[in-house]
Amino acid sequence: MFKNKNGSSLNLCGQNVAKYRTMLTPKTSQRMLADKLQLIGVDVDKNAIQRIESGQRFVTDIELVALATALNVSISDLLE
């Protein structure tokens, strides 16, 4: 499998997705985040969230915008 120049991770935002998800109040599980994304119109399930957070899945630009919206952070926050 192709790996990008970000070490062994397939995305830049996974660790920050996990960080901001766990900082949400009330506490938000991966399943709850997946549900929020589906309400926004992005079909991502709990397993995809787990793979994103662990760097095992690419993130599309559409998903990045939806993740930022669902987590109430900026896209820049996710990419730092």
PDB file of N, CA and C in Angstrom:
ATOM      1  N   MET A   1       0.837  -1.179   0.000  1.00  0.00           N
ATOM      2  CA  MET A   1       0.000   0.000   0.000  1.00  0.00           C
ATOM      3  C   MET A   1       0.883   1.243   0.000  1.00  0.00           C
ATOM      4  N   PHE A   2       0.487   2.242  -0.746  1.00  0.00           N
ATOM      5  CA  PHE A   2       1.220   3.498  -0.827  1.00  0.00           C
ATOM      6  C   PHE A   2       1.130   4.246   0.498  1.00  0.00           C
ATOM      7  N   LYS A   3       2.238   4.729   0.960  1.00  0.00           N
ATOM      8  CA  LYS A   3       2.275   5.582   2.151  1.00  0.00           C
ATOM      9  C   LYS A   3       2.775   6.948   1.716  1.00  0.00           C
ATOM     10  N   ASN A   4       2.192   7.992   2.244  1.00  0.00           N
ATOM     11  CA  ASN A   4       2.644   9.323   1.875  1.00  0.00           C
ATOM     12  C   ASN A   4       3.850   9.719   2.724  1.00  0.00           C
ATOM     13  N   LYS A   5       4.292  10.936   2.591  1.00  0.00           N
ATOM     14  CA  LYS A   5       5.488  11.384   3.288  1.00  0.00           C
ATOM     15  C   LYS A   5       5.225  11.752   4.745  1.00  0.00           C
ATOM     16  N   ASN A   6       4.030  11.488   5.235  1.00  0.00           N
ATOM     17  CA  ASN A   6       3.686  11.763   6.632  1.00  0.00           C
ATOM     18  C   ASN A   6       3.970  10.513   7.484  1.00  0.00           C
ATOM     19  N   GLY A   7       5.112   9.909   7.290  1.00  0.00           N
ATOM     20  CA  GLY A   7       5.448   8.703   8.039  1.00  0.00           C
ATOM     21  C   GLY A   7       4.572   7.554   7.613  1.00  0.00           C
ATOM     22  N   SER A   8       4.000   6.856   8.572  1.00  0.00           N
ATOM     23  CA  SER A   8       3.162   5.699   8.262  1.00  0.00           C
ATOM     24  C   SER A   8       1.678   6.057   8.216  1.00  0.00           C
ATOM     25  N   SER A   9       1.331   7.314   8.418  1.00  0.00           N
ATOM     26  CA  SER A   9      -0.066   7.737   8.430  1.00  0.00           C
ATOM     27  C   SER A   9      -0.546   8.081   7.021  1.00  0.00           C
ATOM     28  N   LEU A  10      -1.806   7.787   6.762  1.00  0.00           N
ATOM     29  CA  LEU A  10      -2.406   8.102   5.471  1.00  0.00           C
ATOM     30  C   LEU A  10      -3.140   9.437   5.480  1.00  0.00           C
ATOM     31  N   ASN A  11      -3.101  10.157   6.593  1.00  0.00           N
ATOM     32  CA  ASN A  11      -3.737  11.476   6.645  1.00  0.00           C
ATOM     33  C   ASN A  11      -2.998  12.383   7.616  1.00  0.00           C
ATOM     34  N   LEU A  12      -3.279  13.666   7.524  1.00  0.00           N
ATOM     35  CA  LEU A  12      -2.656  14.652   8.410  1.00  0.00           C
ATOM     36  C   LEU A  12      -3.518  14.990   9.616  1.00  0.00           C
ATOM     37  N   CYS A  13      -4.798  14.660   9.553  1.00  0.00           N
ATOM     38  CA  CYS A  13      -5.732  15.160  10.565  1.00  0.00           C
ATOM     39  C   CYS A  13      -6.160  14.142  11.610  1.00  0.00           C
ATOM     40  N   GLY A  14      -5.824  12.883  11.453  1.00  0.00           N
ATOM     41  CA  GLY A  14      -6.358  11.834  12.320  1.00  0.00           C
ATOM     42  C   GLY A  14      -6.140  12.052  13.800  1.00  0.00           C
ATOM     43  N   GLN A  15      -4.918  12.386  14.179  1.00  0.00           N
ATOM     44  CA  GLN A  15      -4.635  12.593  15.598  1.00  0.00           C
ATOM     45  C   GLN A  15      -5.424  13.770  16.149  1.00  0.00           C
ATOM     46  N   ASN A  16      -5.583  14.815  15.342  1.00  0.00           N
ATOM     47  CA  ASN A  16      -6.349  15.976  15.798  1.00  0.00           C
ATOM     48  C   ASN A  16      -7.838  15.686  15.847  1.00  0.00           C
ATOM     49  N   VAL A  17      -8.337  14.854  14.941  1.00  0.00           N
ATOM     50  CA  VAL A  17      -9.741  14.443  15.015  1.00  0.00           C
ATOM     51  C   VAL A  17      -9.986  13.767  16.363  1.00  0.00           C
ATOM     52  N   ALA A  18      -9.108  12.842  16.726  1.00  0.00           N
ATOM     53  CA  ALA A  18      -9.252  12.140  18.007  1.00  0.00           C
ATOM     54  C   ALA A  18      -9.166  13.122  19.174  1.00  0.00           C
ATOM     55  N   LYS A  19      -8.202  14.041  19.103  1.00  0.00           N
ATOM     56  CA  LYS A  19      -8.020  15.018  20.188  1.00  0.00           C
ATOM     57  C   LYS A  19      -9.267  15.880  20.374  1.00  0.00           C
ATOM     58  N   TYR A  20      -9.760  16.467  19.287  1.00  0.00           N
ATOM     59  CA  TYR A  20     -10.915  17.359  19.406  1.00  0.00           C
ATOM     60  C   TYR A  20     -12.198  16.594  19.714  1.00  0.00           C
ATOM     61  N   ARG A  21     -12.306  15.360  19.247  1.00  0.00           N
ATOM     62  CA  ARG A  21     -13.493  14.550  19.558  1.00  0.00           C
ATOM     63  C   ARG A  21     -13.570  14.287  21.054  1.00  0.00           C
ATOM     64  N   THR A  22     -12.428  13.947  21.661  1.00  0.00           N
ATOM     65  CA  THR A  22     -12.441  13.639  23.094  1.00  0.00           C
ATOM     66  C   THR A  22     -12.591  14.892  23.954  1.00  0.00           C
ATOM     67  N   MET A  23     -12.332  16.064  23.365  1.00  0.00           N
ATOM     68  CA  MET A  23     -12.497  17.321  24.111  1.00  0.00           C
ATOM     69  C   MET A  23     -13.934  17.841  24.081  1.00  0.00           C
ATOM     70  N   LEU A  24     -14.776  17.273  23.213  1.00  0.00           N
ATOM     71  CA  LEU A  24     -16.156  17.751  23.100  1.00  0.00           C
ATOM     72  C   LEU A  24     -16.933  17.499  24.383  1.00  0.00           C
ATOM     73  N   THR A  25     -17.860  18.407  24.657  1.00  0.00           N
ATOM     74  CA  THR A  25     -18.779  18.243  25.772  1.00  0.00           C
ATOM     75  C   THR A  25     -20.183  18.268  25.210  1.00  0.00           C
ATOM     76  N   PRO A  26     -21.025  17.284  25.428  1.00  0.00           N
ATOM     77  CA  PRO A  26     -20.749  16.086  26.223  1.00  0.00           C
ATOM     78  C   PRO A  26     -19.763  15.168  25.505  1.00  0.00           C
ATOM     79  N   LYS A  27     -19.224  14.220  26.275  1.00  0.00           N
ATOM     80  CA  LYS A  27     -18.246  13.277  25.737  1.00  0.00           C
ATOM     81  C   LYS A  27     -18.817  12.629  24.468  1.00  0.00           C
ATOM     82  N   THR A  28     -18.006  12.589  23.415  1.00  0.00           N
ATOM     83  CA  THR A  28     -18.469  12.109  22.115  1.00  0.00           C
ATOM     84  C   THR A  28     -17.664  10.888  21.686  1.00  0.00           C
ATOM     85  N   SER A  29     -18.372   9.794  21.434  1.00  0.00           N
ATOM     86  CA  SER A  29     -17.721   8.570  20.972  1.00  0.00           C
ATOM     87  C   SER A  29     -17.504   8.633  19.462  1.00  0.00           C
ATOM     88  N   GLN A  30     -16.744   7.688  18.950  1.00  0.00           N
ATOM     89  CA  GLN A  30     -16.545   7.602  17.499  1.00  0.00           C
ATOM     90  C   GLN A  30     -17.885   7.394  16.795  1.00  0.00           C
ATOM     91  N   ARG A  31     -18.755   6.592  17.382  1.00  0.00           N
ATOM     92  CA  ARG A  31     -20.078   6.350  16.789  1.00  0.00           C
ATOM     93  C   ARG A  31     -20.902   7.642  16.759  1.00  0.00           C
ATOM     94  N   MET A  32     -20.835   8.417  17.834  1.00  0.00           N
ATOM     95  CA  MET A  32     -21.578   9.680  17.879  1.00  0.00           C
ATOM     96  C   MET A  32     -21.051  10.660  16.837  1.00  0.00           C
ATOM     97  N   LEU A  33     -19.727  10.699  16.638  1.00  0.00           N
ATOM     98  CA  LEU A  33     -19.162  11.558  15.611  1.00  0.00           C
ATOM     99  C   LEU A  33     -19.609  11.091  14.229  1.00  0.00           C
ATOM    100  N   ALA A  34     -19.624   9.794  14.002  1.00  0.00           N
ATOM    101  CA  ALA A  34     -20.104   9.256  12.730  1.00  0.00           C
ATOM    102  C   ALA A  34     -21.565   9.649  12.494  1.00  0.00           C
ATOM    103  N   ASP A  35     -22.371   9.607  13.539  1.00  0.00           N
ATOM    104  CA  ASP A  35     -23.777  10.015  13.429  1.00  0.00           C
ATOM    105  C   ASP A  35     -23.894  11.496  13.062  1.00  0.00           C
ATOM    106  N   LYS A  36     -23.058  12.342  13.687  1.00  0.00           N
ATOM    107  CA  LYS A  36     -23.065  13.772  13.357  1.00  0.00           C
ATOM    108  C   LYS A  36     -22.707  13.988  11.886  1.00  0.00           C
ATOM    109  N   LEU A  37     -21.707  13.259  11.418  1.00  0.00           N
ATOM    110  CA  LEU A  37     -21.292  13.396  10.019  1.00  0.00           C
ATOM    111  C   LEU A  37     -22.401  12.962   9.070  1.00  0.00           C
ATOM    112  N   GLN A  38     -23.121  11.916   9.432  1.00  0.00           N
ATOM    113  CA  GLN A  38     -24.221  11.459   8.587  1.00  0.00           C
ATOM    114  C   GLN A  38     -25.334  12.487   8.547  1.00  0.00           C
ATOM    115  N   LEU A  39     -25.588  13.184   9.650  1.00  0.00           N
ATOM    116  CA  LEU A  39     -26.590  14.248   9.652  1.00  0.00           C
ATOM    117  C   LEU A  39     -26.161  15.412   8.764  1.00  0.00           C
ATOM    118  N   ILE A  40     -24.850  15.632   8.658  1.00  0.00           N
ATOM    119  CA  ILE A  40     -24.317  16.676   7.776  1.00  0.00           C
ATOM    120  C   ILE A  40     -24.418  16.244   6.313  1.00  0.00           C
ATOM    121  N   GLY A  41     -24.494  14.932   6.087  1.00  0.00           N
ATOM    122  CA  GLY A  41     -24.608  14.420   4.719  1.00  0.00           C
ATOM    123  C   GLY A  41     -23.386  13.677   4.228  1.00  0.00           C
ATOM    124  N   VAL A  42     -22.486  13.335   5.137  1.00  0.00           N
ATOM    125  CA  VAL A  42     -21.281  12.592   4.778  1.00  0.00           C
ATOM    126  C   VAL A  42     -21.402  11.199   5.375  1.00  0.00           C
ATOM    127  N   ASP A  43     -21.410  10.185   4.508  1.00  0.00           N
ATOM    128  CA  ASP A  43     -21.620   8.807   4.942  1.00  0.00           C
ATOM    129  C   ASP A  43     -20.308   8.190   5.423  1.00  0.00           C
ATOM    130  N   VAL A  44     -20.050   8.338   6.721  1.00  0.00           N
ATOM    131  CA  VAL A  44     -18.861   7.779   7.359  1.00  0.00           C
ATOM    132  C   VAL A  44     -19.343   7.017   8.584  1.00  0.00           C
ATOM    133  N   ASP A  45     -18.884   5.766   8.729  1.00  0.00           N
ATOM    134  CA  ASP A  45     -19.325   4.989   9.881  1.00  0.00           C
ATOM    135  C   ASP A  45     -18.276   5.009  10.987  1.00  0.00           C
ATOM    136  N   LYS A  46     -18.599   4.359  12.103  1.00  0.00           N
ATOM    137  CA  LYS A  46     -17.721   4.343  13.276  1.00  0.00           C
ATOM    138  C   LYS A  46     -16.369   3.734  12.944  1.00  0.00           C
ATOM    139  N   ASN A  47     -16.354   2.689  12.127  1.00  0.00           N
ATOM    140  CA  ASN A  47     -15.094   2.040  11.772  1.00  0.00           C
ATOM    141  C   ASN A  47     -14.210   2.964  10.940  1.00  0.00           C
ATOM    142  N   ALA A  48     -14.824   3.766  10.091  1.00  0.00           N
ATOM    143  CA  ALA A  48     -14.062   4.729   9.295  1.00  0.00           C
ATOM    144  C   ALA A  48     -13.447   5.797  10.203  1.00  0.00           C
ATOM    145  N   ILE A  49     -14.194   6.237  11.223  1.00  0.00           N
ATOM    146  CA  ILE A  49     -13.664   7.212  12.180  1.00  0.00           C
ATOM    147  C   ILE A  49     -12.441   6.615  12.885  1.00  0.00           C
ATOM    148  N   GLN A  50     -12.543   5.368  13.294  1.00  0.00           N
ATOM    149  CA  GLN A  50     -11.424   4.707  13.964  1.00  0.00           C
ATOM    150  C   GLN A  50     -10.208   4.656  13.042  1.00  0.00           C
ATOM    151  N   ARG A  51     -10.408   4.316  11.778  1.00  0.00           N
ATOM    152  CA  ARG A  51      -9.295   4.237  10.821  1.00  0.00           C
ATOM    153  C   ARG A  51      -8.712   5.621  10.522  1.00  0.00           C
ATOM    154  N   ILE A  52      -9.563   6.641  10.467  1.00  0.00           N
ATOM    155  CA  ILE A  52      -9.075   8.015  10.270  1.00  0.00           C
ATOM    156  C   ILE A  52      -8.195   8.413  11.455  1.00  0.00           C
ATOM    157  N   GLU A  53      -8.700   8.196  12.669  1.00  0.00           N
ATOM    158  CA  GLU A  53      -7.957   8.606  13.861  1.00  0.00           C
ATOM    159  C   GLU A  53      -6.637   7.866  14.005  1.00  0.00           C
ATOM    160  N   SER A  54      -6.581   6.627  13.538  1.00  0.00           N
ATOM    161  CA  SER A  54      -5.344   5.846  13.650  1.00  0.00           C
ATOM    162  C   SER A  54      -4.430   6.019  12.439  1.00  0.00           C
ATOM    163  N   GLY A  55      -4.861   6.836  11.452  1.00  0.00           N
ATOM    164  CA  GLY A  55      -4.029   7.103  10.289  1.00  0.00           C
ATOM    165  C   GLY A  55      -4.049   6.008   9.241  1.00  0.00           C
ATOM    166  N   GLN A  56      -5.034   5.121   9.308  1.00  0.00           N
ATOM    167  CA  GLN A  56      -5.118   4.003   8.374  1.00  0.00           C
ATOM    168  C   GLN A  56      -6.046   4.283   7.196  1.00  0.00           C
ATOM    169  N   ARG A  57      -6.581   5.497   7.105  1.00  0.00           N
ATOM    170  CA  ARG A  57      -7.529   5.832   6.043  1.00  0.00           C
ATOM    171  C   ARG A  57      -7.285   7.250   5.560  1.00  0.00           C
ATOM    172  N   PHE A  58      -7.343   7.422   4.237  1.00  0.00           N
ATOM    173  CA  PHE A  58      -7.278   8.754   3.660  1.00  0.00           C
ATOM    174  C   PHE A  58      -8.539   9.532   4.026  1.00  0.00           C
ATOM    175  N   VAL A  59      -8.453  10.862   4.040  1.00  0.00           N
ATOM    176  CA  VAL A  59      -9.596  11.734   4.306  1.00  0.00           C
ATOM    177  C   VAL A  59      -9.779  12.631   3.091  1.00  0.00           C
ATOM    178  N   THR A  60     -10.980  12.636   2.531  1.00  0.00           N
ATOM    179  CA  THR A  60     -11.256  13.498   1.382  1.00  0.00           C
ATOM    180  C   THR A  60     -11.454  14.933   1.855  1.00  0.00           C
ATOM    181  N   ASP A  61     -11.401  15.868   0.916  1.00  0.00           N
ATOM    182  CA  ASP A  61     -11.622  17.270   1.272  1.00  0.00           C
ATOM    183  C   ASP A  61     -13.034  17.484   1.804  1.00  0.00           C
ATOM    184  N   ILE A  62     -14.004  16.798   1.242  1.00  0.00           N
ATOM    185  CA  ILE A  62     -15.390  16.910   1.707  1.00  0.00           C
ATOM    186  C   ILE A  62     -15.507  16.402   3.148  1.00  0.00           C
ATOM    187  N   GLU A  63     -14.847  15.284   3.440  1.00  0.00           N
ATOM    188  CA  GLU A  63     -14.867  14.743   4.797  1.00  0.00           C
ATOM    189  C   GLU A  63     -14.148  15.675   5.771  1.00  0.00           C
ATOM    190  N   LEU A  64     -13.072  16.302   5.328  1.00  0.00           N
ATOM    191  CA  LEU A  64     -12.332  17.223   6.183  1.00  0.00           C
ATOM    192  C   LEU A  64     -13.200  18.408   6.599  1.00  0.00           C
ATOM    193  N   VAL A  65     -13.931  18.968   5.646  1.00  0.00           N
ATOM    194  CA  VAL A  65     -14.833  20.084   5.946  1.00  0.00           C
ATOM    195  C   VAL A  65     -15.922  19.625   6.915  1.00  0.00           C
ATOM    196  N   ALA A  66     -16.486  18.445   6.675  1.00  0.00           N
ATOM    197  CA  ALA A  66     -17.544  17.931   7.554  1.00  0.00           C
ATOM    198  C   ALA A  66     -17.008  17.635   8.952  1.00  0.00           C
ATOM    199  N   LEU A  67     -15.807  17.080   9.041  1.00  0.00           N
ATOM    200  CA  LEU A  67     -15.209  16.811  10.351  1.00  0.00           C
ATOM    201  C   LEU A  67     -15.009  18.110  11.132  1.00  0.00           C
ATOM    202  N   ALA A  68     -14.501  19.136  10.459  1.00  0.00           N
ATOM    203  CA  ALA A  68     -14.313  20.423  11.122  1.00  0.00           C
ATOM    204  C   ALA A  68     -15.644  20.975  11.621  1.00  0.00           C
ATOM    205  N   THR A  69     -16.670  20.865  10.813  1.00  0.00           N
ATOM    206  CA  THR A  69     -18.000  21.334  11.205  1.00  0.00           C
ATOM    207  C   THR A  69     -18.527  20.547  12.403  1.00  0.00           C
ATOM    208  N   ALA A  70     -18.441  19.218  12.332  1.00  0.00           N
ATOM    209  CA  ALA A  70     -18.965  18.365  13.398  1.00  0.00           C
ATOM    210  C   ALA A  70     -18.211  18.569  14.710  1.00  0.00           C
ATOM    211  N   LEU A  71     -16.918  18.850  14.614  1.00  0.00           N
ATOM    212  CA  LEU A  71     -16.104  19.033  15.812  1.00  0.00           C
ATOM    213  C   LEU A  71     -16.056  20.491  16.278  1.00  0.00           C
ATOM    214  N   ASN A  72     -16.679  21.370  15.488  1.00  0.00           N
ATOM    215  CA  ASN A  72     -16.733  22.794  15.797  1.00  0.00           C
ATOM    216  C   ASN A  72     -15.329  23.411  15.920  1.00  0.00           C
ATOM    217  N   VAL A  73     -14.471  23.043  14.959  1.00  0.00           N
ATOM    218  CA  VAL A  73     -13.120  23.603  14.872  1.00  0.00           C
ATOM    219  C   VAL A  73     -12.865  24.017  13.431  1.00  0.00           C
ATOM    220  N   SER A  74     -11.773  24.700  13.198  1.00  0.00           N
ATOM    221  CA  SER A  74     -11.429  25.085  11.825  1.00  0.00           C
ATOM    222  C   SER A  74     -10.681  23.950  11.130  1.00  0.00           C
ATOM    223  N   ILE A  75     -10.661  24.017   9.824  1.00  0.00           N
ATOM    224  CA  ILE A  75      -9.889  23.032   9.051  1.00  0.00           C
ATOM    225  C   ILE A  75      -8.415  23.137   9.435  1.00  0.00           C
ATOM    226  N   SER A  76      -7.948  24.355   9.639  1.00  0.00           N
ATOM    227  CA  SER A  76      -6.552  24.561  10.056  1.00  0.00           C
ATOM    228  C   SER A  76      -6.246  23.844  11.368  1.00  0.00           C
ATOM    229  N   ASP A  77      -7.204  23.880  12.301  1.00  0.00           N
ATOM    230  CA  ASP A  77      -7.012  23.177  13.571  1.00  0.00           C
ATOM    231  C   ASP A  77      -6.784  21.692  13.341  1.00  0.00           C
ATOM    232  N   LEU A  78      -7.522  21.112  12.401  1.00  0.00           N
ATOM    233  CA  LEU A  78      -7.390  19.688  12.129  1.00  0.00           C
ATOM    234  C   LEU A  78      -6.083  19.352  11.435  1.00  0.00           C
ATOM    235  N   LEU A  79      -5.553  20.282  10.658  1.00  0.00           N
ATOM    236  CA  LEU A  79      -4.353  20.001   9.877  1.00  0.00           C
ATOM    237  C   LEU A  79      -3.054  20.365  10.595  1.00  0.00           C
ATOM    238  N   GLU A  80      -3.125  21.021  11.722  1.00  0.00           N
ATOM    239  CA  GLU A  80      -1.901  21.420  12.444  1.00  0.00           C
ATOM    240  C   GLU A  80      -1.154  20.219  12.967  1.00  0.00           C
TER     241      GLU A  80
END
